[in-house]
């Protein structure tokens, strides 16, 4: 039997001067489950301000934060089922 589940991700980016913030929101289980990762990027005052680079960095950092939260959540769920601590890394 095959089961298909869809999770949707949305990245919201806010630019304020030379600072960019991003929120990566993962929505799963019919919209009932939400998890958010946050990321920030700042342009060095000595560098030319290129908002696209700030957007990329902030979004990547938000997704990395979201990834870590998902891995922590998975480890917690495994431990609650097995009643044993997770050994090693879940990242690959």
N, C-alpha and C. Protein backbone atom coordinates (compact mmCIF):
# COMPACT_ATOMS: atom_id res chain seq x y z
N UNK A 1 0.84 -1.17 0.00
CA UNK A 1 0.00 0.00 0.00
C UNK A 1 0.89 1.25 0.00
N UNK A 2 0.57 2.18 -0.85
CA UNK A 2 1.31 3.43 -0.94
C UNK A 2 0.49 4.55 -0.36
N UNK A 3 1.13 5.35 0.47
CA UNK A 3 0.48 6.52 1.05
C UNK A 3 1.25 7.75 0.63
N UNK A 4 0.54 8.76 0.20
CA UNK A 4 1.18 10.01 -0.21
C UNK A 4 0.74 11.12 0.73
N UNK A 5 1.71 11.86 1.22
CA UNK A 5 1.46 12.99 2.10
C UNK A 5 2.14 14.22 1.52
N UNK A 6 1.46 15.33 1.55
CA UNK A 6 2.05 16.58 1.04
C UNK A 6 2.31 17.54 2.19
N UNK A 7 3.51 18.05 2.24
CA UNK A 7 3.87 19.13 3.15
C UNK A 7 4.17 20.34 2.28
N UNK A 8 3.77 21.48 2.71
CA UNK A 8 4.02 22.71 1.96
C UNK A 8 4.96 23.61 2.74
N UNK A 9 5.86 24.25 2.02
CA UNK A 9 6.81 25.17 2.64
C UNK A 9 6.61 26.56 2.05
N UNK A 10 6.74 27.55 2.90
CA UNK A 10 6.65 28.94 2.47
C UNK A 10 7.77 29.72 3.13
N UNK A 11 8.43 30.57 2.36
CA UNK A 11 9.49 31.42 2.91
C UNK A 11 9.05 32.86 2.77
N UNK A 12 8.96 33.55 3.89
CA UNK A 12 8.63 34.97 3.91
C UNK A 12 9.90 35.75 4.21
N UNK A 13 10.20 36.73 3.35
CA UNK A 13 11.43 37.51 3.48
C UNK A 13 11.08 38.97 3.71
N UNK A 14 11.75 39.57 4.69
CA UNK A 14 11.55 40.99 5.00
C UNK A 14 12.90 41.69 4.92
N UNK A 15 12.97 42.74 4.12
CA UNK A 15 14.19 43.53 3.98
C UNK A 15 13.99 44.86 4.71
N UNK A 16 14.91 45.18 5.59
CA UNK A 16 14.91 46.46 6.31
C UNK A 16 16.31 47.05 6.20
N UNK A 17 16.47 47.95 5.25
CA UNK A 17 17.79 48.53 5.03
C UNK A 17 18.77 47.46 4.59
N UNK A 18 19.82 47.27 5.38
CA UNK A 18 20.86 46.30 5.05
C UNK A 18 20.69 44.99 5.82
N UNK A 19 19.51 44.81 6.42
CA UNK A 19 19.21 43.58 7.17
C UNK A 19 18.03 42.86 6.52
N UNK A 20 18.18 41.55 6.37
CA UNK A 20 17.13 40.72 5.79
C UNK A 20 16.79 39.61 6.78
N UNK A 21 15.51 39.41 7.03
CA UNK A 21 15.07 38.29 7.87
C UNK A 21 14.18 37.38 7.02
N UNK A 22 14.22 36.11 7.34
CA UNK A 22 13.39 35.13 6.63
C UNK A 22 12.78 34.16 7.63
N UNK A 23 11.55 33.80 7.36
CA UNK A 23 10.85 32.76 8.11
C UNK A 23 10.47 31.66 7.13
N UNK A 24 10.94 30.46 7.37
CA UNK A 24 10.59 29.30 6.55
C UNK A 24 9.56 28.49 7.34
N UNK A 25 8.35 28.43 6.81
CA UNK A 25 7.26 27.74 7.48
C UNK A 25 6.94 26.44 6.75
N UNK A 26 6.93 25.35 7.49
CA UNK A 26 6.56 24.04 6.95
C UNK A 26 5.18 23.71 7.49
N UNK A 27 4.27 23.40 6.57
CA UNK A 27 2.88 23.10 6.95
C UNK A 27 2.59 21.67 6.52
N UNK A 28 2.21 20.85 7.46
CA UNK A 28 1.93 19.45 7.18
C UNK A 28 0.65 18.99 7.83
N UNK A 29 0.31 17.75 7.58
CA UNK A 29 -0.86 17.09 8.17
C UNK A 29 -2.12 17.93 8.00
N UNK A 30 -2.43 18.28 6.77
CA UNK A 30 -3.66 19.01 6.49
C UNK A 30 -3.70 20.40 7.07
N UNK A 31 -2.56 21.01 7.26
CA UNK A 31 -2.50 22.36 7.81
C UNK A 31 -2.49 22.42 9.32
N UNK A 32 -2.61 21.26 9.96
CA UNK A 32 -2.67 21.23 11.43
C UNK A 32 -1.30 21.36 12.07
N UNK A 33 -0.26 20.93 11.39
CA UNK A 33 1.08 20.95 11.97
C UNK A 33 1.91 22.03 11.28
N UNK A 34 2.51 22.92 12.08
CA UNK A 34 3.35 23.99 11.56
C UNK A 34 4.66 24.03 12.32
N UNK A 35 5.72 24.30 11.59
CA UNK A 35 7.02 24.46 12.19
C UNK A 35 7.70 25.61 11.44
N UNK A 36 8.38 26.49 12.18
CA UNK A 36 8.99 27.67 11.56
C UNK A 36 10.47 27.74 11.89
N UNK A 37 11.27 28.02 10.87
CA UNK A 37 12.69 28.28 11.03
C UNK A 37 12.96 29.75 10.73
N UNK A 38 13.95 30.32 11.39
CA UNK A 38 14.25 31.75 11.23
C UNK A 38 15.68 31.92 10.73
N UNK A 39 15.88 32.95 9.93
CA UNK A 39 17.21 33.26 9.43
C UNK A 39 17.38 34.76 9.25
N UNK A 40 18.62 35.23 9.43
CA UNK A 40 18.94 36.66 9.30
C UNK A 40 20.22 36.81 8.49
N UNK A 41 20.27 37.85 7.69
CA UNK A 41 21.49 38.21 6.96
C UNK A 41 21.66 39.72 7.06
N UNK A 42 22.91 40.14 7.24
CA UNK A 42 23.23 41.57 7.31
C UNK A 42 24.34 41.87 6.32
N UNK A 43 24.19 42.97 5.63
CA UNK A 43 25.21 43.38 4.66
C UNK A 43 26.33 44.11 5.40
N UNK A 44 27.55 43.70 5.15
CA UNK A 44 28.71 44.38 5.71
C UNK A 44 28.73 45.82 5.19
N UNK A 45 28.91 46.80 6.07
CA UNK A 45 28.90 48.20 5.62
C UNK A 45 29.93 48.49 4.52
N UNK A 46 30.99 47.71 4.44
CA UNK A 46 32.02 47.93 3.42
C UNK A 46 31.63 47.33 2.07
N UNK A 47 30.58 46.49 2.04
CA UNK A 47 30.17 45.83 0.80
C UNK A 47 29.04 46.58 0.12
N UNK A 48 28.93 46.38 -1.19
CA UNK A 48 27.81 46.92 -1.94
C UNK A 48 26.56 46.17 -1.53
N UNK A 49 25.47 46.88 -1.29
CA UNK A 49 24.23 46.24 -0.86
C UNK A 49 23.56 45.57 -2.06
N UNK A 50 23.47 44.24 -2.02
CA UNK A 50 22.77 43.47 -3.04
C UNK A 50 21.69 42.67 -2.34
N UNK A 51 20.44 43.16 -2.35
CA UNK A 51 19.37 42.50 -1.61
C UNK A 51 19.17 41.03 -1.98
N UNK A 52 19.46 40.65 -3.23
CA UNK A 52 19.27 39.25 -3.63
C UNK A 52 20.17 38.32 -2.82
N UNK A 53 21.39 38.77 -2.55
CA UNK A 53 22.31 37.93 -1.76
C UNK A 53 21.80 37.81 -0.33
N UNK A 54 21.33 38.90 0.24
CA UNK A 54 20.75 38.85 1.58
C UNK A 54 19.55 37.93 1.65
N UNK A 55 18.70 37.99 0.60
CA UNK A 55 17.54 37.10 0.55
C UNK A 55 17.97 35.63 0.56
N UNK A 56 18.98 35.31 -0.26
CA UNK A 56 19.47 33.93 -0.34
C UNK A 56 20.04 33.46 0.99
N UNK A 57 20.86 34.30 1.61
CA UNK A 57 21.47 33.91 2.89
C UNK A 57 20.43 33.75 3.98
N UNK A 58 19.53 34.70 4.10
CA UNK A 58 18.50 34.62 5.14
C UNK A 58 17.60 33.41 4.92
N UNK A 59 17.22 33.15 3.66
CA UNK A 59 16.37 32.00 3.37
C UNK A 59 17.10 30.69 3.67
N UNK A 60 18.37 30.60 3.28
CA UNK A 60 19.15 29.39 3.56
C UNK A 60 19.28 29.16 5.06
N UNK A 61 19.51 30.22 5.81
CA UNK A 61 19.64 30.09 7.26
C UNK A 61 18.31 29.70 7.90
N UNK A 62 17.20 30.21 7.37
CA UNK A 62 15.88 29.84 7.88
C UNK A 62 15.60 28.36 7.60
N UNK A 63 15.97 27.91 6.40
CA UNK A 63 15.77 26.49 6.07
C UNK A 63 16.67 25.59 6.91
N UNK A 64 17.90 26.02 7.19
CA UNK A 64 18.80 25.25 8.04
C UNK A 64 18.23 25.15 9.46
N UNK A 65 17.69 26.25 9.96
CA UNK A 65 17.06 26.25 11.29
C UNK A 65 15.87 25.30 11.30
N UNK A 66 15.07 25.34 10.24
CA UNK A 66 13.92 24.45 10.13
C UNK A 66 14.37 22.99 10.08
N UNK A 67 15.44 22.71 9.34
CA UNK A 67 15.99 21.36 9.26
C UNK A 67 16.38 20.85 10.64
N UNK A 68 17.08 21.68 11.41
CA UNK A 68 17.49 21.27 12.76
C UNK A 68 16.29 21.00 13.65
N UNK A 69 15.26 21.82 13.53
CA UNK A 69 14.05 21.61 14.33
C UNK A 69 13.36 20.30 13.94
N UNK A 70 13.31 20.00 12.64
CA UNK A 70 12.71 18.74 12.19
C UNK A 70 13.49 17.54 12.70
N UNK A 71 14.82 17.62 12.65
CA UNK A 71 15.65 16.52 13.16
C UNK A 71 15.47 16.34 14.66
N UNK A 72 15.40 17.44 15.41
CA UNK A 72 15.16 17.35 16.86
C UNK A 72 13.80 16.72 17.14
N UNK A 73 12.81 17.11 16.36
CA UNK A 73 11.47 16.56 16.54
C UNK A 73 11.45 15.06 16.23
N UNK A 74 12.13 14.67 15.17
CA UNK A 74 12.21 13.24 14.82
C UNK A 74 12.90 12.45 15.91
N UNK A 75 14.00 12.99 16.45
CA UNK A 75 14.71 12.31 17.54
C UNK A 75 13.80 12.14 18.75
N UNK A 76 13.06 13.18 19.08
CA UNK A 76 12.13 13.11 20.22
C UNK A 76 11.08 12.03 19.97
N UNK A 77 10.54 12.00 18.75
CA UNK A 77 9.51 11.00 18.43
C UNK A 77 10.08 9.57 18.49
N UNK A 78 11.28 9.38 17.99
CA UNK A 78 11.92 8.06 18.06
C UNK A 78 12.10 7.64 19.52
N UNK A 79 12.61 8.56 20.33
CA UNK A 79 12.83 8.25 21.75
C UNK A 79 11.53 7.95 22.48
N UNK A 80 10.45 8.62 22.11
CA UNK A 80 9.18 8.36 22.78
C UNK A 80 8.61 6.99 22.40
N UNK A 81 8.97 6.49 21.22
CA UNK A 81 8.51 5.16 20.80
C UNK A 81 9.41 4.05 21.31
N UNK A 82 10.71 4.30 21.32
CA UNK A 82 11.65 3.24 21.69
C UNK A 82 12.04 3.28 23.17
N UNK A 83 11.80 4.40 23.81
CA UNK A 83 12.21 4.61 25.20
C UNK A 83 13.72 4.48 25.37
N UNK A 84 14.43 4.78 24.30
CA UNK A 84 15.90 4.77 24.29
C UNK A 84 16.38 6.07 23.65
N UNK A 85 17.52 6.59 24.12
CA UNK A 85 18.06 7.79 23.47
C UNK A 85 18.52 7.48 22.04
N UNK A 86 18.36 8.45 21.17
CA UNK A 86 18.83 8.30 19.79
C UNK A 86 20.35 8.36 19.80
N UNK A 87 20.97 7.41 19.12
CA UNK A 87 22.43 7.38 19.05
C UNK A 87 22.87 7.83 17.66
N UNK A 88 23.92 8.62 17.60
CA UNK A 88 24.42 9.09 16.32
C UNK A 88 23.59 10.23 15.76
N UNK A 89 23.82 10.50 14.50
CA UNK A 89 23.18 11.62 13.83
C UNK A 89 22.00 11.16 13.00
N UNK A 90 20.95 11.95 12.97
CA UNK A 90 19.79 11.65 12.12
C UNK A 90 19.93 12.32 10.75
N UNK A 91 20.98 13.12 10.55
CA UNK A 91 21.05 13.94 9.35
C UNK A 91 21.43 13.17 8.09
N UNK A 92 21.86 11.94 8.15
CA UNK A 92 22.05 11.14 6.94
C UNK A 92 22.26 9.69 7.27
